[in-house]
Protein backbone atom coordinates (compact mmCIF):
# COMPACT_ATOMS: atom_id res chain seq x y z
CA THR A 1 0.05 0.04 0.18
CA ARG A 2 2.76 2.25 0.75
CA THR A 3 4.33 2.09 -2.15
CA TYR A 4 1.02 2.71 -4.55
CA ASN A 5 0.68 5.70 -2.12
CA THR A 6 3.95 7.02 -3.01
CA VAL A 7 3.22 6.54 -6.97
CA ILE A 8 -0.07 8.03 -6.75
CA ASN A 9 1.17 11.27 -4.61
CA ALA A 10 3.93 11.60 -7.44
CA TYR A 11 1.08 11.85 -9.75
CA ALA A 12 -0.40 14.80 -7.57
CA LYS A 13 2.85 16.38 -7.45
CA SER A 14 3.80 15.78 -11.00
CA GLY A 15 1.28 18.67 -13.09
CA GLU A 16 1.84 15.98 -16.18
CA LYS A 17 -1.49 15.65 -18.16
CA GLY A 18 -4.01 13.15 -16.98
CA SER A 19 -2.28 12.88 -14.01
CA ALA A 20 -5.86 12.34 -11.87
CA SER A 21 -6.88 9.76 -14.25
CA LYS A 22 -3.45 7.87 -13.91
CA ALA A 23 -3.77 7.97 -9.71
CA GLU A 24 -7.81 6.86 -10.23
CA GLN A 25 -6.27 3.76 -11.92
CA LEU A 26 -3.90 3.13 -9.34
CA LEU A 27 -6.34 2.90 -6.87
CA VAL A 28 -8.63 1.04 -9.04
CA GLU A 29 -5.76 -1.41 -9.24
CA MET A 30 -5.39 -1.83 -5.60
CA GLU A 31 -8.94 -2.54 -4.81
CA GLN A 32 -9.00 -5.24 -7.42
CA ARG A 33 -5.65 -6.64 -6.48
CA SER A 34 -6.91 -6.21 -2.42
CA GLU A 35 -8.70 -9.08 -3.21
CA THR A 36 -6.59 -11.52 -3.18
CA GLU A 37 -3.62 -9.56 -1.36
CA LYS A 38 -4.63 -7.76 2.02
CA ASN A 39 -1.74 -6.17 2.04
CA LEU A 40 -2.99 -3.64 -0.59
CA LYS A 41 -5.94 -3.05 0.53
CA PRO A 42 -5.76 0.98 -0.08
CA ASN A 43 -6.72 3.40 2.88
CA ILE A 44 -8.01 6.84 3.68
CA ARG A 45 -4.22 8.11 2.80
CA THR A 46 -4.72 6.39 -0.96
CA CYS A 47 -8.16 8.18 -1.23
CA ASN A 48 -7.25 11.33 0.21
CA THR A 49 -4.01 11.42 -2.16
CA VAL A 50 -6.14 10.44 -5.19
CA ILE A 51 -8.26 13.58 -4.67
CA HIS A 52 -5.15 15.61 -3.64
CA ALA A 53 -3.59 14.61 -7.23
CA CYS A 54 -7.28 16.10 -8.77
CA ALA A 55 -6.92 19.29 -7.09
CA SER A 56 -3.72 19.41 -8.04
CA THR A 57 -4.79 19.46 -12.28
CA LYS A 58 -3.24 22.10 -13.87
CA HIS A 59 -4.42 21.19 -17.91
CA ARG A 60 -7.69 22.93 -18.40
CA GLU A 61 -8.55 19.80 -20.61
CA ASP A 62 -8.54 17.45 -17.74
CA ARG A 63 -10.36 19.70 -15.07
CA ASP A 64 -13.68 17.75 -15.62
CA ALA A 65 -12.59 14.11 -15.51
CA ALA A 66 -10.26 15.57 -12.10
CA ILE A 67 -13.62 16.62 -10.61
CA GLU A 68 -15.54 13.57 -11.55
CA ILE A 69 -12.42 11.56 -10.10
CA ALA A 70 -12.63 13.30 -6.96
CA PHE A 71 -16.50 13.00 -6.35
CA ARG A 72 -16.63 9.53 -7.63
CA THR A 73 -13.28 8.58 -4.73
CA PHE A 74 -15.07 10.44 -2.10
CA LYS A 75 -18.84 8.79 -3.01
CA ASN A 76 -16.81 5.45 -2.39
CA LEU A 77 -14.95 6.25 0.31
CA SER A 78 -18.42 7.05 2.02
CA SER A 79 -19.54 4.42 1.34
CA ALA A 80 -16.80 1.84 2.78
CA GLU A 81 -16.24 -0.05 5.48
CA ASN A 82 -13.82 0.33 7.69
CA ILE A 83 -12.72 4.00 6.63
CA SER A 84 -14.64 7.39 6.25
CA PRO A 85 -13.92 10.71 4.79
CA THR A 86 -11.29 12.45 7.47
CA GLN A 87 -10.60 16.41 7.91
CA VAL A 88 -8.03 15.96 4.99
CA THR A 89 -10.46 14.63 2.60
CA TYR A 90 -13.02 17.47 3.05
CA SER A 91 -10.01 19.89 2.97
CA SER A 92 -8.85 18.05 -0.27
CA LEU A 93 -12.54 18.53 -2.10
CA LEU A 94 -12.43 21.76 -1.01
CA SER A 95 -9.10 22.69 -3.04
CA VAL A 96 -10.72 20.74 -5.88
CA LEU A 97 -13.71 22.92 -6.36
CA ARG A 98 -11.29 26.15 -5.35
CA HIS A 99 -8.97 25.23 -8.16
CA LEU A 100 -11.36 22.95 -11.15
CA VAL A 101 -14.76 25.08 -10.81
CA PRO A 102 -14.76 28.00 -12.55
CA SER A 103 -15.84 31.20 -9.45
CA SER A 104 -17.98 32.35 -12.84
CA PRO A 105 -20.88 31.62 -12.61
CA PRO A 106 -20.17 31.94 -8.51
CA ASN A 107 -23.16 29.95 -7.88
CA GLU A 108 -21.59 26.29 -8.97
CA ARG A 109 -18.33 26.55 -7.18
CA LEU A 110 -20.64 28.19 -4.00
CA SER A 111 -23.55 25.97 -3.84
CA LEU A 112 -21.44 22.68 -3.98
CA SER A 113 -19.00 24.07 -1.79
CA LYS A 114 -22.05 25.35 0.83
CA LEU A 115 -22.98 21.19 0.40
CA LEU A 116 -19.48 19.84 0.91
CA PHE A 117 -19.07 21.76 3.87
CA GLN A 118 -22.11 21.14 5.42
CA GLU A 119 -21.68 17.06 5.11
CA CYS A 120 -18.11 18.04 6.62
CA CYS A 121 -20.00 19.27 9.93
CA ASN A 122 -22.24 16.64 9.63
CA ALA A 123 -19.36 14.35 9.90
CA GLY A 124 -17.89 16.00 12.72
CA CYS A 125 -14.42 17.16 10.39
CA VAL A 126 -14.01 20.68 10.56
CA ASN A 127 -10.69 22.14 11.73
CA ASN A 128 -8.68 24.79 11.36
CA GLY A 129 -8.13 23.44 7.86
CA VAL A 130 -11.16 22.90 6.92
CA LEU A 131 -11.92 26.50 7.35
CA ASN A 132 -8.61 27.51 6.23
CA VAL A 133 -9.79 26.51 2.55
CA LEU A 134 -13.01 27.22 2.63
CA SER A 135 -12.36 31.03 2.85
CA LYS A 136 -10.37 30.59 0.33
CA THR A 137 -12.61 29.21 -1.87
CA VAL A 138 -16.24 31.23 -1.74
CA PRO A 139 -16.65 34.87 -1.49
CA LEU A 140 -16.08 36.12 2.35
CA LYS A 141 -19.44 37.03 2.95
CA SER A 142 -20.32 33.50 1.91
CA TYR A 143 -17.55 32.21 3.68
CA VAL A 144 -18.81 33.91 7.26
CA GLU A 145 -22.14 33.21 6.71
CA LEU A 146 -21.32 29.53 6.31
CA VAL A 147 -19.40 29.09 9.31
CA GLY A 148 -21.73 31.00 11.48
CA SER A 149 -25.04 29.02 10.37
CA ALA A 150 -22.69 25.54 11.19
CA ALA A 151 -23.00 27.41 15.17
CA LYS A 152 -25.58 28.95 16.74
CA ASP A 153 -22.97 29.96 19.27
CA PHE A 154 -19.11 30.18 19.83
CA ASN A 155 -18.88 27.82 22.24
CA HIS A 156 -20.94 24.97 20.11
CA PHE A 157 -18.83 26.68 17.26
CA CYS A 158 -15.69 25.70 19.16
CA SER A 159 -16.95 22.12 19.40
CA LEU A 160 -17.04 21.74 15.89
CA ILE A 161 -13.59 22.73 15.82
CA GLN A 162 -10.69 19.62 16.07
CA PRO A 163 -7.69 21.92 16.40
CA ILE A 164 -4.60 20.79 14.13
CA SER A 165 -3.19 24.42 16.03
CA SER A 166 -4.08 26.97 18.40
CA PRO A 167 -5.08 29.98 16.95
CA VAL A 168 -8.10 32.03 18.53
CA ILE A 169 -11.02 31.61 16.84
CA SER A 170 -13.41 33.95 16.40
CA PRO A 171 -17.17 33.24 15.02
CA THR A 172 -17.67 36.43 13.44
CA LEU A 173 -14.20 36.65 11.64
CA PRO A 174 -12.70 34.12 8.92
CA VAL A 175 -10.03 32.08 9.58
CA VAL A 176 -6.81 33.48 8.73
CA ALA A 177 -3.38 31.07 8.91
CA PRO A 178 -0.79 32.55 11.20
CA VAL A 179 1.94 34.78 9.71
CA ILE A 180 5.41 34.18 10.60
CA ALA A 181 7.78 37.01 9.91
CA PRO A 182 11.24 35.90 8.83
CA ALA A 183 14.08 36.18 10.78
CA PRO A 184 16.30 39.37 10.43
CA VAL A 185 19.47 38.92 8.46
CA ALA A 186 22.59 39.62 9.39
CA PRO A 187 23.97 42.22 6.87
CA VAL A 188 27.26 41.07 5.24
CA LEU A 189 30.33 43.00 5.44
């Protein structure tokens, strides 16, 4: 499984034409081979990496296929036994929407993002990473509405968050990744 995951990850990073399709082909091959070779059963990392390969699609002619592959992988993952979507899954799917679904007409990306975020909330998978990608995927006003609708009060909102770090979170402000200033460089004499 580790070797397959590594190759799928290489496709994700390659930017090569058809890389999402090649990543899915490896996933399908793993699923078929895992019937006789139990150590080749795809895991959550495998599925997330295929979705990431879709989000990394750079060729316009591959976009539609990449979107289909990402959501097909998510659908199969959601109905699988023993594994289920994680925060990484939802962040990667939001990245697919951000990078592959055009912002105009804005309603398509926004409505898909809303549905996905609601499912993420229902699954208890909201964390700072998901919120960060969501804030880059939808307009600010929509982000504030989505995050506000996900929580009736601040305490409930905080209970939805599974921390990956501990920045201060306000239900009325977008989550922004902390900015780390570069260390000062000593002048060369």
